[in-house]
């Protein structure tokens, strides 16, 4: 039986301790049986109304396209993806949006980051395909976890997902290294499995430092360490970090406890202590991995490895509007 048939057991909104901010959209997608692999990532083109879902598995399309209303559009037929991990939609507001995917495979196309057209045409590759490494010239990666491409064209990369590297790299639009934090450890600006990265409007970079069960924050211009959030993640590590469109909350995924938490986002300056304001509690073994948000509607899309599906959550209208 497909997981979707058990949807009443897949999600429970915690209302006794936290105010619910999201509700499950049972109508999305209309054809959940199309998810035939492990769903690892999801990315939104809110201007075109397209949802990109990355999945793994033998003889399965690695990327599926749906509308934000739930209709299936098309699969990608590319053979240049081995094991997609993170997926990011860049330049959504332009006439030429592109899709960036980190590939953690060990074959001839793995250990690199790829840029595709919306239809799945490979445009360029960052890194050395098929060769894991730590080099910066030329660039090498080892199981790169995620990329965030700023509207300026600058790139923020967390590398890697359990490989030899534990680093955060900022690249210029011309793909030159601007700064890097690349030391494994538990200290300040050190990482153990940096898994997700996002940039806010206050020139701060937020990194889900999974292995250390914390989020670390850096100045996006200088790379200076600004602070750490750890008290919210004593039970399970943060796997994904994204901002809601109103910039009020961070959406943080915790895979092993099957939770999606919303944390207060500090507007400027010191980050202070983390504070959870709402939690979506999923059923056991759903294993949410990475998320993305529709910046027009606030809808939240979740890639779920255990349930082998992506799901959509829509915001409640609270006190005059969530967004």
C-alpha atoms as a PDB file:
ATOM      1  CA  UNK A   1       0.000   0.000   0.000  1.00  0.00           C
ATOM      2  CA  UNK A   2       1.417   3.392  -0.953  1.00  0.00           C
ATOM      3  CA  UNK A   3       2.267   5.642   1.976  1.00  0.00           C
ATOM      4  CA  UNK A   4      -0.195   8.230   0.731  1.00  0.00           C
ATOM      5  CA  UNK A   5      -3.095   5.951   1.632  1.00  0.00           C
ATOM      6  CA  UNK A   6      -2.030   6.172   5.238  1.00  0.00           C
ATOM      7  CA  UNK A   7      -1.920   9.952   5.244  1.00  0.00           C
ATOM      8  CA  UNK A   8      -3.989  10.280   8.415  1.00  0.00           C
ATOM      9  CA  UNK A   9      -1.117   8.617  10.238  1.00  0.00           C
ATOM     10  CA  UNK A  10       1.626  10.521   8.459  1.00  0.00           C
ATOM     11  CA  UNK A  11       1.126  13.882  10.086  1.00  0.00           C
ATOM     12  CA  UNK A  12      -0.066  15.124  13.463  1.00  0.00           C
ATOM     13  CA  UNK A  13       0.041  18.825  14.257  1.00  0.00           C
ATOM     14  CA  UNK A  14       1.123  19.455  17.825  1.00  0.00           C
ATOM     15  CA  UNK A  15      -1.359  21.934  19.275  1.00  0.00           C
ATOM     16  CA  UNK A  16      -1.028  21.448  23.006  1.00  0.00           C
ATOM     17  CA  UNK A  17       2.406  23.079  23.276  1.00  0.00           C
ATOM     18  CA  UNK A  18       2.774  25.086  20.072  1.00  0.00           C
ATOM     19  CA  UNK A  19       0.474  27.098  17.856  1.00  0.00           C
ATOM     20  CA  UNK A  20       0.048  25.346  14.490  1.00  0.00           C
ATOM     21  CA  UNK A  21       1.252  27.465  11.575  1.00  0.00           C
ATOM     22  CA  UNK A  22       0.855  24.897   8.780  1.00  0.00           C
ATOM     23  CA  UNK A  23      -1.666  22.299   7.695  1.00  0.00           C
ATOM     24  CA  UNK A  24      -1.223  19.355   5.325  1.00  0.00           C
ATOM     25  CA  UNK A  25      -2.582  19.783   1.791  1.00  0.00           C
ATOM     26  CA  UNK A  26      -4.112  16.369   1.074  1.00  0.00           C
ATOM     27  CA  UNK A  27      -4.674  17.205  -2.597  1.00  0.00           C
ATOM     28  CA  UNK A  28      -0.961  17.530  -3.438  1.00  0.00           C
ATOM     29  CA  UNK A  29       0.193  15.864  -5.577  1.00  0.00           C
ATOM     30  CA  UNK A  30      -2.652  14.296  -7.510  1.00  0.00           C
ATOM     31  CA  UNK A  31      -0.498  11.320  -8.564  1.00  0.00           C
ATOM     32  CA  UNK A  32       1.617  10.315  -5.544  1.00  0.00           C
ATOM     33  CA  UNK A  33       2.193   6.892  -7.103  1.00  0.00           C
ATOM     34  CA  UNK A  34       4.756   8.608  -9.362  1.00  0.00           C
ATOM     35  CA  UNK A  35       7.169   8.715  -6.421  1.00  0.00           C
ATOM     36  CA  UNK A  36       8.986   5.429  -6.956  1.00  0.00           C
ATOM     37  CA  UNK A  37      12.341   6.242  -5.358  1.00  0.00           C
ATOM     38  CA  UNK A  38      13.682   7.758  -2.165  1.00  0.00           C
ATOM     39  CA  UNK A  39      12.738  11.441  -2.215  1.00  0.00           C
ATOM     40  CA  UNK A  40      15.703  13.509  -1.048  1.00  0.00           C
ATOM     41  CA  UNK A  41      15.097  17.094  -2.139  1.00  0.00           C
ATOM     42  CA  UNK A  42      12.547  19.600  -3.379  1.00  0.00           C
ATOM     43  CA  UNK A  43      12.833  23.054  -4.983  1.00  0.00           C
ATOM     44  CA  UNK A  44      10.274  25.689  -5.943  1.00  0.00           C
ATOM     45  CA  UNK A  45       9.894  28.001  -8.906  1.00  0.00           C
ATOM     46  CA  UNK A  46       7.121  30.119  -7.457  1.00  0.00           C
ATOM     47  CA  UNK A  47       6.904  32.373 -10.515  1.00  0.00           C
ATOM     48  CA  UNK A  48       6.272  29.497 -12.912  1.00  0.00           C
ATOM     49  CA  UNK A  49       4.335  27.500 -10.328  1.00  0.00           C
ATOM     50  CA  UNK A  50       6.605  24.455 -10.683  1.00  0.00           C
ATOM     51  CA  UNK A  51       7.843  22.057  -7.991  1.00  0.00           C
ATOM     52  CA  UNK A  52      11.017  20.045  -8.677  1.00  0.00           C
ATOM     53  CA  UNK A  53      11.327  16.803  -6.708  1.00  0.00           C
ATOM     54  CA  UNK A  54      14.632  14.899  -6.615  1.00  0.00           C
ATOM     55  CA  UNK A  55      14.546  11.152  -5.973  1.00  0.00           C
ATOM     56  CA  UNK A  56      17.011   8.266  -5.970  1.00  0.00           C
ATOM     57  CA  UNK A  57      16.837   4.707  -7.151  1.00  0.00           C
ATOM     58  CA  UNK A  58      17.740   2.397 -10.002  1.00  0.00           C
ATOM     59  CA  UNK A  59      15.879   2.999 -13.236  1.00  0.00           C
ATOM     60  CA  UNK A  60      13.823   5.888 -11.862  1.00  0.00           C
ATOM     61  CA  UNK A  61      13.705   9.464 -13.176  1.00  0.00           C
ATOM     62  CA  UNK A  62      15.902  11.474 -10.848  1.00  0.00           C
ATOM     63  CA  UNK A  63      13.749  14.617 -11.060  1.00  0.00           C
ATOM     64  CA  UNK A  64       9.961  14.926 -11.310  1.00  0.00           C
ATOM     65  CA  UNK A  65       8.123  18.161 -12.086  1.00  0.00           C
ATOM     66  CA  UNK A  66       4.710  19.033 -10.637  1.00  0.00           C
ATOM     67  CA  UNK A  67       2.637  22.183 -10.588  1.00  0.00           C
ATOM     68  CA  UNK A  68       2.036  23.870  -7.261  1.00  0.00           C
ATOM     69  CA  UNK A  69      -1.588  22.727  -7.667  1.00  0.00           C
ATOM     70  CA  UNK A  70      -0.467  19.093  -7.788  1.00  0.00           C
ATOM     71  CA  UNK A  71      -0.597  18.203 -11.473  1.00  0.00           C
ATOM     72  CA  UNK A  72       2.270  16.127 -12.877  1.00  0.00           C
ATOM     73  CA  UNK A  73       4.197  17.885 -15.640  1.00  0.00           C
ATOM     74  CA  UNK A  74       7.151  15.736 -16.705  1.00  0.00           C
ATOM     75  CA  UNK A  75      10.167  13.710 -15.597  1.00  0.00           C
ATOM     76  CA  UNK A  76      13.737  14.545 -16.458  1.00  0.00           C
ATOM     77  CA  UNK A  77      15.327  11.989 -18.750  1.00  0.00           C
ATOM     78  CA  UNK A  78      18.908  12.974 -17.965  1.00  0.00           C
ATOM     79  CA  UNK A  79      21.517  10.257 -17.431  1.00  0.00           C
ATOM     80  CA  UNK A  80      23.975  12.670 -15.782  1.00  0.00           C
ATOM     81  CA  UNK A  81      22.577  12.339 -12.251  1.00  0.00           C
ATOM     82  CA  UNK A  82      23.605   9.503  -9.943  1.00  0.00           C
ATOM     83  CA  UNK A  83      22.480  10.281  -6.393  1.00  0.00           C
ATOM     84  CA  UNK A  84      20.833  13.693  -6.047  1.00  0.00           C
ATOM     85  CA  UNK A  85      20.954  15.204  -2.581  1.00  0.00           C
ATOM     86  CA  UNK A  86      20.251  18.945  -2.426  1.00  0.00           C
ATOM     87  CA  UNK A  87      18.298  20.824  -5.110  1.00  0.00           C
ATOM     88  CA  UNK A  88      17.999  24.611  -5.494  1.00  0.00           C
ATOM     89  CA  UNK A  89      16.130  26.862  -7.929  1.00  0.00           C
ATOM     90  CA  UNK A  90      18.175  29.927  -8.930  1.00  0.00           C
ATOM     91  CA  UNK A  91      17.122  33.084 -10.795  1.00  0.00           C
ATOM     92  CA  UNK A  92      13.447  32.236 -10.437  1.00  0.00           C
ATOM     93  CA  UNK A  93      12.379  35.805 -11.180  1.00  0.00           C
ATOM     94  CA  UNK A  94      14.339  35.918 -14.439  1.00  0.00           C
ATOM     95  CA  UNK A  95      13.434  34.569 -17.854  1.00  0.00           C
ATOM     96  CA  UNK A  96      16.136  31.918 -17.449  1.00  0.00           C
ATOM     97  CA  UNK A  97      15.774  30.114 -14.114  1.00  0.00           C
ATOM     98  CA  UNK A  98      18.127  27.208 -13.513  1.00  0.00           C
ATOM     99  CA  UNK A  99      18.177  24.192 -11.217  1.00  0.00           C
ATOM    100  CA  UNK A 100      21.264  23.310  -9.175  1.00  0.00           C
ATOM    101  CA  UNK A 101      21.654  19.772  -7.823  1.00  0.00           C
ATOM    102  CA  UNK A 102      24.349  18.299  -5.595  1.00  0.00           C
ATOM    103  CA  UNK A 103      25.290  14.752  -6.594  1.00  0.00           C
ATOM    104  CA  UNK A 104      26.782  12.500  -3.904  1.00  0.00           C
ATOM    105  CA  UNK A 105      27.187   9.442  -6.125  1.00  0.00           C
ATOM    106  CA  UNK A 106      30.453   7.510  -6.319  1.00  0.00           C
ATOM    107  CA  UNK A 107      30.310   6.867 -10.064  1.00  0.00           C
ATOM    108  CA  UNK A 108      31.620   8.896 -13.017  1.00  0.00           C
ATOM    109  CA  UNK A 109      29.114  11.732 -12.477  1.00  0.00           C
ATOM    110  CA  UNK A 110      29.301  11.965  -8.688  1.00  0.00           C
ATOM    111  CA  UNK A 111      30.969  14.280  -6.170  1.00  0.00           C
ATOM    112  CA  UNK A 112      29.960  17.448  -7.974  1.00  0.00           C
ATOM    113  CA  UNK A 113      27.291  20.125  -8.320  1.00  0.00           C
ATOM    114  CA  UNK A 114      25.361  20.483 -11.563  1.00  0.00           C
ATOM    115  CA  UNK A 115      23.348  23.258 -13.140  1.00  0.00           C
ATOM    116  CA  UNK A 116      20.389  22.299 -15.331  1.00  0.00           C
ATOM    117  CA  UNK A 117      17.784  24.019 -17.428  1.00  0.00           C
ATOM    118  CA  UNK A 118      14.164  23.634 -16.241  1.00  0.00           C
ATOM    119  CA  UNK A 119      13.723  20.795 -18.751  1.00  0.00           C
ATOM    120  CA  UNK A 120      16.772  18.882 -17.485  1.00  0.00           C
ATOM    121  CA  UNK A 121      19.511  19.921 -19.919  1.00  0.00           C
ATOM    122  CA  UNK A 122      22.926  19.908 -18.242  1.00  0.00           C
ATOM    123  CA  UNK A 123      24.439  23.403 -18.442  1.00  0.00           C
ATOM    124  CA  UNK A 124      27.581  23.252 -16.312  1.00  0.00           C
ATOM    125  CA  UNK A 125      29.343  21.301 -13.580  1.00  0.00           C
ATOM    126  CA  UNK A 126      31.111  22.511 -10.442  1.00  0.00           C
ATOM    127  CA  UNK A 127      33.752  20.154  -9.155  1.00  0.00           C
ATOM    128  CA  UNK A 128      35.529  17.212 -10.743  1.00  0.00           C
ATOM    129  CA  UNK A 129      32.965  14.582 -11.835  1.00  0.00           C
ATOM    130  CA  UNK A 130      33.667  11.148 -10.414  1.00  0.00           C
ATOM    131  CA  UNK A 131      36.621  12.257  -8.302  1.00  0.00           C
ATOM    132  CA  UNK A 132      36.231  13.075  -4.624  1.00  0.00           C
ATOM    133  CA  UNK A 133      38.665  15.598  -3.224  1.00  0.00           C
ATOM    134  CA  UNK A 134      39.291  18.778  -1.267  1.00  0.00           C
ATOM    135  CA  UNK A 135      40.981  20.897  -3.917  1.00  0.00           C
ATOM    136  CA  UNK A 136      39.999  24.496  -4.588  1.00  0.00           C
ATOM    137  CA  UNK A 137      41.772  24.975  -7.921  1.00  0.00           C
ATOM    138  CA  UNK A 138      40.300  23.118  -9.630  1.00  0.00           C
ATOM    139  CA  UNK A 139      37.300  22.704  -7.360  1.00  0.00           C
ATOM    140  CA  UNK A 140      36.698  19.288  -5.849  1.00  0.00           C
ATOM    141  CA  UNK A 141      33.959  18.046  -3.543  1.00  0.00           C
ATOM    142  CA  UNK A 142      33.216  14.894  -1.599  1.00  0.00           C
ATOM    143  CA  UNK A 143      29.479  14.262  -1.269  1.00  0.00           C
ATOM    144  CA  UNK A 144      28.406  17.936  -1.422  1.00  0.00           C
ATOM    145  CA  UNK A 145      25.178  18.280   0.545  1.00  0.00           C
ATOM    146  CA  UNK A 146      23.549  21.505  -0.633  1.00  0.00           C
ATOM    147  CA  UNK A 147      24.042  24.765  -2.526  1.00  0.00           C
ATOM    148  CA  UNK A 148      22.372  28.158  -2.050  1.00  0.00           C
ATOM    149  CA  UNK A 149      22.656  30.579  -4.973  1.00  0.00           C
ATOM    150  CA  UNK A 150      22.082  34.206  -3.998  1.00  0.00           C
ATOM    151  CA  UNK A 151      20.330  36.649  -6.330  1.00  0.00           C
ATOM    152  CA  UNK A 152      23.759  38.281  -6.800  1.00  0.00           C
ATOM    153  CA  UNK A 153      25.039  35.042  -8.326  1.00  0.00           C
ATOM    154  CA  UNK A 154      27.252  34.269  -5.338  1.00  0.00           C
ATOM    155  CA  UNK A 155      27.119  30.674  -4.151  1.00  0.00           C
ATOM    156  CA  UNK A 156      27.233  29.075  -0.711  1.00  0.00           C
ATOM    157  CA  UNK A 157      28.070  25.358  -0.611  1.00  0.00           C
ATOM    158  CA  UNK A 158      28.083  22.884   2.279  1.00  0.00           C
ATOM    159  CA  UNK A 159      30.417  19.958   1.559  1.00  0.00           C
ATOM    160  CA  UNK A 160      29.896  17.222   2.520  1.00  0.00           C
ATOM    161  CA  UNK A 161      27.375  14.667   3.510  1.00  0.00           C
ATOM    162  CA  UNK A 162      29.668  12.320   5.412  1.00  0.00           C
ATOM    163  CA  UNK A 163      32.683  12.441   3.099  1.00  0.00           C
ATOM    164  CA  UNK A 164      36.215  13.677   3.730  1.00  0.00           C
ATOM    165  CA  UNK A 165      35.166  17.349   3.711  1.00  0.00           C
ATOM    166  CA  UNK A 166      33.377  19.325   6.397  1.00  0.00           C
ATOM    167  CA  UNK A 167      33.287  22.814   5.003  1.00  0.00           C
ATOM    168  CA  UNK A 168      31.314  25.881   4.017  1.00  0.00           C
ATOM    169  CA  UNK A 169      32.509  27.570   0.835  1.00  0.00           C
ATOM    170  CA  UNK A 170      31.475  30.905  -0.641  1.00  0.00           C
ATOM    171  CA  UNK A 171      32.066  31.351  -4.367  1.00  0.00           C
ATOM    172  CA  UNK A 172      31.788  34.498  -6.437  1.00  0.00           C
ATOM    173  CA  UNK A 173      29.528  34.722  -9.460  1.00  0.00           C
ATOM    174  CA  UNK A 174      32.645  33.837 -11.460  1.00  0.00           C
ATOM    175  CA  UNK A 175      33.080  30.749  -9.235  1.00  0.00           C
ATOM    176  CA  UNK A 176      36.177  32.005  -7.443  1.00  0.00           C
ATOM    177  CA  UNK A 177      36.584  31.112  -3.764  1.00  0.00           C
ATOM    178  CA  UNK A 178      35.827  34.184  -1.625  1.00  0.00           C
ATOM    179  CA  UNK A 179      36.085  32.547   1.790  1.00  0.00           C
ATOM    180  CA  UNK A 180      35.947  29.121   3.347  1.00  0.00           C
ATOM    181  CA  UNK A 181      35.541  27.403   6.708  1.00  0.00           C
ATOM    182  CA  UNK A 182      36.831  23.892   6.283  1.00  0.00           C
ATOM    183  CA  UNK A 183      37.937  22.364   9.561  1.00  0.00           C
ATOM    184  CA  UNK A 184      36.280  19.298  11.065  1.00  0.00           C
ATOM    185  CA  UNK A 185      35.453  19.570  14.743  1.00  0.00           C
ATOM    186  CA  UNK A 186      33.106  20.851  17.411  1.00  0.00           C
ATOM    187  CA  UNK A 187      34.590  24.320  17.865  1.00  0.00           C
ATOM    188  CA  UNK A 188      33.477  27.653  16.487  1.00  0.00           C
ATOM    189  CA  UNK A 189      33.348  27.678  12.667  1.00  0.00           C
ATOM    190  CA  UNK A 190      34.163  23.954  12.616  1.00  0.00           C
ATOM    191  CA  UNK A 191      31.757  21.412  11.157  1.00  0.00           C
ATOM    192  CA  UNK A 192      30.789  17.782  11.259  1.00  0.00           C
ATOM    193  CA  UNK A 193      28.503  16.958   8.311  1.00  0.00           C
ATOM    194  CA  UNK A 194      27.296  20.429   7.282  1.00  0.00           C
ATOM    195  CA  UNK A 195      24.016  19.498   5.628  1.00  0.00           C
ATOM    196  CA  UNK A 196      22.011  22.584   4.616  1.00  0.00           C
ATOM    197  CA  UNK A 197      22.630  26.298   4.039  1.00  0.00           C
ATOM    198  CA  UNK A 198      20.509  29.410   3.567  1.00  0.00           C
ATOM    199  CA  UNK A 199      21.160  33.158   3.484  1.00  0.00           C
ATOM    200  CA  UNK A 200      18.883  35.814   4.981  1.00  0.00           C
ATOM    201  CA  UNK A 201      18.401  39.500   4.142  1.00  0.00           C
ATOM    202  CA  UNK A 202      20.638  40.630   7.001  1.00  0.00           C
ATOM    203  CA  UNK A 203      23.856  39.298   5.434  1.00  0.00           C
ATOM    204  CA  UNK A 204      23.875  36.146   7.537  1.00  0.00           C
ATOM    205  CA  UNK A 205      24.564  32.571   6.433  1.00  0.00           C
ATOM    206  CA  UNK A 206      22.769  29.836   8.395  1.00  0.00           C
ATOM    207  CA  UNK A 207      24.255  26.327   8.284  1.00  0.00           C
ATOM    208  CA  UNK A 208      22.668  23.133   9.608  1.00  0.00           C
ATOM    209  CA  UNK A 209      25.742  21.564  11.234  1.00  0.00           C
ATOM    210  CA  UNK A 210      24.140  18.142  11.425  1.00  0.00           C
ATOM    211  CA  UNK A 211      26.830  16.066  13.095  1.00  0.00           C
ATOM    212  CA  UNK A 212      27.251  18.653  15.847  1.00  0.00           C
ATOM    213  CA  UNK A 213      23.466  19.049  16.370  1.00  0.00           C
ATOM    214  CA  UNK A 214      23.492  22.806  15.929  1.00  0.00           C
ATOM    215  CA  UNK A 215      23.040  25.693  13.509  1.00  0.00           C
ATOM    216  CA  UNK A 216      26.022  27.983  12.961  1.00  0.00           C
ATOM    217  CA  UNK A 217      25.726  31.534  11.640  1.00  0.00           C
ATOM    218  CA  UNK A 218      28.240  33.586   9.653  1.00  0.00           C
ATOM    219  CA  UNK A 219      28.528  37.012   8.084  1.00  0.00           C
ATOM    220  CA  UNK A 220      27.872  36.470   4.385  1.00  0.00           C
ATOM    221  CA  UNK A 221      30.344  39.173   3.328  1.00  0.00           C
ATOM    222  CA  UNK A 222      33.347  38.430   5.541  1.00  0.00           C
ATOM    223  CA  UNK A 223      32.691  34.864   6.668  1.00  0.00           C
ATOM    224  CA  UNK A 224      32.998  35.954  10.314  1.00  0.00           C
ATOM    225  CA  UNK A 225      31.384  33.575  12.807  1.00  0.00           C
ATOM    226  CA  UNK A 226      28.355  35.229  14.444  1.00  0.00           C
ATOM    227  CA  UNK A 227      26.890  32.598  16.711  1.00  0.00           C
ATOM    228  CA  UNK A 228      25.456  29.137  17.286  1.00  0.00           C
ATOM    229  CA  UNK A 229      22.048  27.688  18.053  1.00  0.00           C
ATOM    230  CA  UNK A 230      22.185  24.349  19.846  1.00  0.00           C
ATOM    231  CA  UNK A 231      19.631  24.264  22.656  1.00  0.00           C
ATOM    232  CA  UNK A 232      16.740  23.506  20.273  1.00  0.00           C
ATOM    233  CA  UNK A 233      18.453  20.406  18.895  1.00  0.00           C
ATOM    234  CA  UNK A 234      19.312  18.297  21.927  1.00  0.00           C
ATOM    235  CA  UNK A 235      17.096  15.408  20.776  1.00  0.00           C
ATOM    236  CA  UNK A 236      17.938  15.446  17.082  1.00  0.00           C
ATOM    237  CA  UNK A 237      20.134  17.333  14.655  1.00  0.00           C
ATOM    238  CA  UNK A 238      18.948  19.938  12.138  1.00  0.00           C
ATOM    239  CA  UNK A 239      18.934  18.539   8.598  1.00  0.00           C
ATOM    240  CA  UNK A 240      17.440  21.426   6.620  1.00  0.00           C
ATOM    241  CA  UNK A 241      17.163  25.165   7.234  1.00  0.00           C
ATOM    242  CA  UNK A 242      15.010  27.623   5.245  1.00  0.00           C
ATOM    243  CA  UNK A 243      13.320  30.989   5.863  1.00  0.00           C
ATOM    244  CA  UNK A 244       9.611  31.663   5.529  1.00  0.00           C
ATOM    245  CA  UNK A 245       8.746  34.396   2.998  1.00  0.00           C
ATOM    246  CA  UNK A 246       7.926  36.928   5.715  1.00  0.00           C
ATOM    247  CA  UNK A 247      11.398  36.302   7.227  1.00  0.00           C
ATOM    248  CA  UNK A 248       9.822  35.697  10.647  1.00  0.00           C
ATOM    249  CA  UNK A 249      10.614  31.996  11.002  1.00  0.00           C
ATOM    250  CA  UNK A 250      13.228  29.426  10.161  1.00  0.00           C
ATOM    251  CA  UNK A 251      11.885  26.058   9.045  1.00  0.00           C
ATOM    252  CA  UNK A 252      14.161  23.326  10.405  1.00  0.00           C
ATOM    253  CA  UNK A 253      13.833  19.601   9.693  1.00  0.00           C
ATOM    254  CA  UNK A 254      14.854  16.906  12.183  1.00  0.00           C
ATOM    255  CA  UNK A 255      14.890  13.570  10.390  1.00  0.00           C
ATOM    256  CA  UNK A 256      15.235  11.078  13.237  1.00  0.00           C
ATOM    257  CA  UNK A 257      12.455  12.573  15.374  1.00  0.00           C
ATOM    258  CA  UNK A 258      10.300  13.105  12.264  1.00  0.00           C
ATOM    259  CA  UNK A 259       9.720  16.755  13.079  1.00  0.00           C
ATOM    260  CA  UNK A 260       9.552  20.040  11.221  1.00  0.00           C
ATOM    261  CA  UNK A 261      10.110  22.955  13.591  1.00  0.00           C
ATOM    262  CA  UNK A 262       9.533  26.669  13.097  1.00  0.00           C
ATOM    263  CA  UNK A 263      11.946  28.873  15.010  1.00  0.00           C
ATOM    264  CA  UNK A 264      11.836  32.617  15.570  1.00  0.00           C
ATOM    265  CA  UNK A 265      14.171  34.346  13.110  1.00  0.00           C
ATOM    266  CA  UNK A 266      16.089  37.290  14.621  1.00  0.00           C
ATOM    267  CA  UNK A 267      15.663  40.276  12.269  1.00  0.00           C
ATOM    268  CA  UNK A 268      19.136  41.849  12.529  1.00  0.00           C
ATOM    269  CA  UNK A 269      22.243  41.822  14.679  1.00  0.00           C
ATOM    270  CA  UNK A 270      22.862  39.261  17.404  1.00  0.00           C
ATOM    271  CA  UNK A 271      21.126  35.935  16.855  1.00  0.00           C
ATOM    272  CA  UNK A 272      20.411  35.299  20.549  1.00  0.00           C
ATOM    273  CA  UNK A 273      19.008  31.947  21.656  1.00  0.00           C
ATOM    274  CA  UNK A 274      16.855  29.744  19.449  1.00  0.00           C
ATOM    275  CA  UNK A 275      13.153  29.504  20.246  1.00  0.00           C
ATOM    276  CA  UNK A 276      10.717  26.992  18.767  1.00  0.00           C
ATOM    277  CA  UNK A 277       7.285  28.495  18.071  1.00  0.00           C
ATOM    278  CA  UNK A 278       5.568  25.628  16.224  1.00  0.00           C
ATOM    279  CA  UNK A 279       6.152  21.970  15.385  1.00  0.00           C
ATOM    280  CA  UNK A 280       4.755  19.659  12.729  1.00  0.00           C
ATOM    281  CA  UNK A 281       5.062  16.125  14.086  1.00  0.00           C
ATOM    282  CA  UNK A 282       5.140  13.484  11.381  1.00  0.00           C
ATOM    283  CA  UNK A 283       4.584   9.780  11.935  1.00  0.00           C
ATOM    284  CA  UNK A 284       7.413   7.375  12.697  1.00  0.00           C
ATOM    285  CA  UNK A 285       9.777   6.532   9.845  1.00  0.00           C
ATOM    286  CA  UNK A 286       8.610   9.341   7.533  1.00  0.00           C
ATOM    287  CA  UNK A 287      12.149  10.776   7.794  1.00  0.00           C
ATOM    288  CA  UNK A 288      11.825  14.324   6.419  1.00  0.00           C
ATOM    289  CA  UNK A 289      15.089  15.346   4.784  1.00  0.00           C
ATOM    290  CA  UNK A 290      15.128  18.714   2.997  1.00  0.00           C
ATOM    291  CA  UNK A 291      12.476  21.383   2.441  1.00  0.00           C
ATOM    292  CA  UNK A 292      11.698  24.426   0.329  1.00  0.00           C
ATOM    293  CA  UNK A 293       9.070  27.161   0.478  1.00  0.00           C
ATOM    294  CA  UNK A 294       6.933  28.957  -2.067  1.00  0.00           C
ATOM    295  CA  UNK A 295       7.929  32.592  -1.590  1.00  0.00           C
ATOM    296  CA  UNK A 296       4.606  33.801  -2.996  1.00  0.00           C
ATOM    297  CA  UNK A 297       2.163  31.697  -0.985  1.00  0.00           C
ATOM    298  CA  UNK A 298       4.292  30.498   1.929  1.00  0.00           C
ATOM    299  CA  UNK A 299       3.516  26.850   1.132  1.00  0.00           C
ATOM    300  CA  UNK A 300       6.034  24.384   2.548  1.00  0.00           C
ATOM    301  CA  UNK A 301       7.192  21.361   0.540  1.00  0.00           C
ATOM    302  CA  UNK A 302       8.927  18.480   2.320  1.00  0.00           C
ATOM    303  CA  UNK A 303      11.082  15.712   0.821  1.00  0.00           C
ATOM    304  CA  UNK A 304      10.589  12.524   2.838  1.00  0.00           C
ATOM    305  CA  UNK A 305      13.084   9.678   2.517  1.00  0.00           C
ATOM    306  CA  UNK A 306      11.246   7.140   4.649  1.00  0.00           C
ATOM    307  CA  UNK A 307       7.761   7.738   3.240  1.00  0.00           C
ATOM    308  CA  UNK A 308       9.254   8.002  -0.273  1.00  0.00           C
ATOM    309  CA  UNK A 309       7.221  11.048  -1.186  1.00  0.00           C
ATOM    310  CA  UNK A 310       7.045  14.821  -1.123  1.00  0.00           C
ATOM    311  CA  UNK A 311       4.252  16.577   0.750  1.00  0.00           C
ATOM    312  CA  UNK A 312       2.838  20.095   0.744  1.00  0.00           C
ATOM    313  CA  UNK A 313       1.810  22.095   3.787  1.00  0.00           C
ATOM    314  CA  UNK A 314      -0.045  25.400   3.547  1.00  0.00           C
ATOM    315  CA  UNK A 315       0.105  28.192   6.128  1.00  0.00           C
ATOM    316  CA  UNK A 316      -2.786  29.002   8.406  1.00  0.00           C
ATOM    317  CA  UNK A 317      -3.929  32.616   8.461  1.00  0.00           C
ATOM    318  CA  UNK A 318      -3.142  33.697  11.994  1.00  0.00           C
ATOM    319  CA  UNK A 319      -3.924  37.075  13.539  1.00  0.00           C
ATOM    320  CA  UNK A 320      -4.474  38.867  10.254  1.00  0.00           C
ATOM    321  CA  UNK A 321      -2.194  36.739   8.119  1.00  0.00           C
ATOM    322  CA  UNK A 322       0.832  34.503   8.330  1.00  0.00           C
ATOM    323  CA  UNK A 323       2.622  36.066   5.372  1.00  0.00           C
END
